[in-house]
Protein backbone atom coordinates (compact mmCIF):
# COMPACT_ATOMS: atom_id res chain seq x y z
CA UNK A 1 -6.37 -40.14 -18.94
CA UNK A 2 -4.84 -43.53 -19.96
CA UNK A 3 -6.39 -45.56 -16.93
CA UNK A 4 -9.65 -43.22 -18.38
CA UNK A 5 -9.42 -44.23 -21.82
CA UNK A 6 -9.27 -48.05 -20.97
CA UNK A 7 -12.46 -47.87 -18.29
CA UNK A 8 -14.54 -45.72 -21.34
CA UNK A 9 -12.94 -48.69 -23.54
CA UNK A 10 -14.67 -51.49 -21.78
CA UNK A 11 -17.46 -49.28 -20.71
CA UNK A 12 -18.14 -49.39 -24.27
CA UNK A 13 -17.47 -52.41 -25.41
CA UNK A 14 -20.20 -53.93 -22.35
CA UNK A 15 -23.07 -51.41 -24.30
CA UNK A 16 -22.22 -52.60 -27.62
CA UNK A 17 -22.22 -56.56 -26.07
CA UNK A 18 -25.73 -55.54 -25.04
CA UNK A 19 -25.20 -53.99 -21.32
CA UNK A 20 -27.26 -51.07 -21.82
CA UNK A 21 -27.24 -50.08 -18.11
CA UNK A 22 -23.50 -49.90 -18.47
CA UNK A 23 -24.04 -46.43 -20.29
CA UNK A 24 -25.31 -45.01 -16.85
CA UNK A 25 -21.07 -45.09 -15.43
CA UNK A 26 -20.57 -43.06 -18.67
CA UNK A 27 -23.42 -40.82 -17.55
CA UNK A 28 -22.33 -40.72 -13.57
CA UNK A 29 -18.25 -40.08 -15.03
CA UNK A 30 -19.02 -37.13 -17.05
CA UNK A 31 -22.00 -35.90 -16.77
CA UNK A 32 -20.40 -33.52 -14.16
CA UNK A 33 -17.61 -32.50 -16.52
CA UNK A 34 -20.85 -32.11 -19.24
CA UNK A 35 -22.54 -29.48 -17.22
CA UNK A 36 -19.88 -27.54 -16.13
CA UNK A 37 -18.95 -27.01 -20.07
CA UNK A 38 -22.42 -26.62 -21.19
CA UNK A 39 -23.28 -23.86 -18.13
CA UNK A 40 -20.01 -22.41 -18.77
CA UNK A 41 -21.36 -21.63 -22.76
CA UNK A 42 -25.29 -21.18 -21.64
CA UNK A 43 -24.69 -19.07 -18.83
CA UNK A 44 -28.20 -21.21 -17.36
CA UNK A 45 -28.66 -23.96 -15.47
CA UNK A 46 -31.62 -25.15 -17.20
CA UNK A 47 -30.26 -24.85 -20.64
CA UNK A 48 -27.06 -26.23 -19.10
CA UNK A 49 -28.88 -29.66 -18.18
CA UNK A 50 -31.06 -29.82 -21.38
CA UNK A 51 -28.09 -29.75 -23.43
CA UNK A 52 -26.09 -32.48 -21.19
CA UNK A 53 -28.80 -34.93 -21.74
CA UNK A 54 -29.46 -34.31 -25.36
CA UNK A 55 -25.28 -34.91 -25.62
CA UNK A 56 -26.13 -38.02 -23.67
CA UNK A 57 -28.79 -39.36 -25.71
CA UNK A 58 -26.75 -38.58 -28.96
CA UNK A 59 -23.90 -40.33 -27.73
CA UNK A 60 -26.10 -43.04 -26.85
CA UNK A 61 -27.87 -43.31 -30.26
CA UNK A 62 -24.35 -42.99 -32.07
CA UNK A 63 -21.80 -45.16 -29.98
CA UNK A 64 -21.77 -47.50 -32.58
CA UNK A 65 -20.05 -44.79 -35.05
CA UNK A 66 -17.63 -44.24 -31.62
CA UNK A 67 -14.22 -46.05 -32.71
CA UNK A 68 -13.15 -47.40 -29.79
CA UNK A 69 -9.04 -46.38 -31.23
CA UNK A 70 -9.85 -43.11 -30.37
CA UNK A 71 -10.82 -40.85 -26.64
CA UNK A 72 -13.71 -41.69 -25.90
CA UNK A 73 -13.95 -38.42 -23.72
CA UNK A 74 -12.84 -36.02 -26.11
CA UNK A 75 -15.96 -38.12 -28.72
CA UNK A 76 -18.20 -37.31 -25.93
CA UNK A 77 -17.00 -33.70 -25.07
CA UNK A 78 -17.08 -32.39 -28.29
CA UNK A 79 -20.81 -34.09 -28.59
CA UNK A 80 -22.04 -31.83 -25.14
CA UNK A 81 -20.41 -29.13 -26.98
CA UNK A 82 -22.33 -29.07 -30.10
CA UNK A 83 -25.33 -29.79 -27.95
CA UNK A 84 -24.97 -26.43 -26.07
CA UNK A 85 -24.05 -24.85 -29.17
CA UNK A 86 -26.76 -25.73 -31.11
CA UNK A 87 -29.02 -24.68 -27.33
CA UNK A 88 -27.75 -21.51 -27.66
CA UNK A 89 -27.93 -20.95 -31.02
CA UNK A 90 -32.07 -22.05 -30.71
CA UNK A 91 -31.99 -19.60 -27.44
CA UNK A 92 -30.14 -16.78 -29.50
CA UNK A 93 -31.11 -16.70 -32.76
CA UNK A 94 -28.61 -14.11 -35.24
CA UNK A 95 -26.12 -13.75 -32.39
CA UNK A 96 -21.90 -15.01 -32.65
CA UNK A 97 -19.27 -16.19 -29.93
CA UNK A 98 -16.09 -14.23 -29.54
CA UNK A 99 -12.26 -15.06 -28.48
CA UNK A 100 -9.95 -14.52 -25.65
CA UNK A 101 -6.22 -14.74 -24.65
CA UNK A 102 -3.99 -12.29 -21.95
CA UNK A 103 -5.34 -11.61 -18.90
CA UNK A 104 -3.06 -9.71 -16.30
CA UNK A 105 -3.20 -12.26 -12.76
CA UNK A 106 -5.54 -10.50 -10.14
CA UNK A 107 -3.02 -11.00 -7.64
CA UNK A 108 -0.32 -9.42 -9.20
CA UNK A 109 -2.43 -6.12 -9.70
CA UNK A 110 -3.39 -7.00 -5.85
CA UNK A 111 0.09 -7.97 -4.43
CA UNK A 112 0.06 -4.30 -2.44
CA UNK A 113 -3.44 -5.35 -0.74
CA UNK A 114 -4.02 -6.17 2.63
CA UNK A 115 -5.23 -9.42 2.52
CA UNK A 116 -9.54 -8.71 3.48
CA UNK A 117 -8.99 -5.94 0.64
CA UNK A 118 -7.20 -8.02 -1.54
CA UNK A 119 -10.32 -11.05 -0.86
CA UNK A 120 -12.88 -8.08 -2.02
CA UNK A 121 -10.50 -7.12 -5.17
CA UNK A 122 -10.59 -10.66 -6.60
CA UNK A 123 -14.18 -11.02 -5.90
CA UNK A 124 -14.80 -8.30 -7.57
CA UNK A 125 -12.60 -9.08 -10.46
CA UNK A 126 -13.94 -12.54 -10.32
CA UNK A 127 -17.61 -11.13 -10.95
CA UNK A 128 -15.82 -8.70 -13.83
CA UNK A 129 -14.43 -11.73 -15.37
CA UNK A 130 -17.38 -14.20 -15.55
CA UNK A 131 -19.55 -10.77 -17.00
CA UNK A 132 -16.97 -10.23 -19.63
CA UNK A 133 -16.57 -13.64 -20.48
CA UNK A 134 -20.58 -13.80 -20.83
CA UNK A 135 -20.48 -10.61 -23.25
CA UNK A 136 -18.28 -13.23 -25.81
CA UNK A 137 -19.67 -14.66 -28.59
CA UNK A 138 -20.01 -18.27 -27.89
CA UNK A 139 -17.65 -19.77 -30.29
CA UNK A 140 -14.69 -17.08 -28.84
CA UNK A 141 -15.96 -18.45 -24.90
CA UNK A 142 -16.20 -22.48 -25.93
CA UNK A 143 -12.51 -21.95 -26.54
CA UNK A 144 -11.81 -19.93 -24.16
CA UNK A 145 -13.07 -22.08 -21.80
CA UNK A 146 -12.48 -24.77 -22.59
CA UNK A 147 -8.62 -23.49 -22.54
CA UNK A 148 -8.41 -21.61 -19.76
CA UNK A 149 -11.33 -22.85 -17.28
CA UNK A 150 -11.01 -26.78 -18.41
CA UNK A 151 -7.21 -26.51 -19.32
CA UNK A 152 -7.45 -28.66 -22.43
CA UNK A 153 -4.19 -28.74 -24.61
CA UNK A 154 -5.31 -26.85 -27.96
CA UNK A 155 -4.69 -30.06 -30.47
CA UNK A 156 -7.91 -31.44 -27.88
CA UNK A 157 -9.82 -28.28 -27.93
CA UNK A 158 -9.38 -28.54 -31.58
CA UNK A 159 -10.31 -32.14 -31.49
CA UNK A 160 -13.55 -31.85 -29.79
CA UNK A 161 -14.61 -28.42 -31.68
CA UNK A 162 -13.59 -29.88 -35.40
CA UNK A 163 -11.63 -27.29 -35.95
CA UNK A 164 -7.91 -27.00 -37.01
CA UNK A 165 -5.50 -26.43 -34.34
CA UNK A 166 -4.17 -22.58 -35.72
CA UNK A 167 -7.84 -22.04 -35.90
CA UNK A 168 -7.99 -22.68 -31.96
CA UNK A 169 -4.61 -20.20 -31.13
CA UNK A 170 -6.62 -17.64 -33.28
CA UNK A 171 -9.44 -17.33 -31.34
CA UNK A 172 -8.02 -17.79 -28.82
CA UNK A 173 -6.16 -14.92 -28.91
CA UNK A 174 -9.09 -12.31 -30.09
CA UNK A 175 -11.61 -13.91 -27.21
CA UNK A 176 -8.53 -12.55 -25.06
CA UNK A 177 -8.45 -9.45 -26.96
CA UNK A 178 -12.13 -9.17 -26.50
CA UNK A 179 -12.06 -10.18 -22.92
CA UNK A 180 -9.70 -7.25 -21.99
CA UNK A 181 -11.40 -4.90 -23.80
CA UNK A 182 -14.91 -6.28 -21.89
CA UNK A 183 -12.86 -5.60 -18.89
CA UNK A 184 -11.95 -2.26 -19.22
CA UNK A 185 -15.68 -1.25 -20.35
CA UNK A 186 -16.72 -3.24 -16.95
CA UNK A 187 -13.99 -1.63 -14.54
CA UNK A 188 -14.86 2.46 -15.72
């Protein structure tokens, strides 16, 4: 993380010094990560691409406001998250997001199965899990995705979402609770 932060600081300094093409390094470095985040929130390729493009435009315009002592990655991630949520809200006016915490490991459930059967059941479980995640409200889905799929710390999630760590933990617990409920519905 420190090496990335140092590289980011140098690139930001280069951009601020007038090397506008250096922003291409930022795009190359973070576009895949930001796309994954946006796609996991929006569940739509075109919307995710639009949100990422919006995030980069916003970041470029606000680059002079970035505090060089902080993590550029988390700052940019927050901008991308906000762009994805804005896109989501524009597309789904009136809908809310959801939370998630402790799912059983599918491998534990499948320990007695033969390998081909286990692979089939894992694929089915993943399909149902994906469908359950899609049912989560965006706030819950975001916290779940950042913690479980992106493996971010509570502190980093709190920073990205501009919420207290306690809120991250409660949303994550609620998301897991909702996911368990949705999974039970899907398994019937």
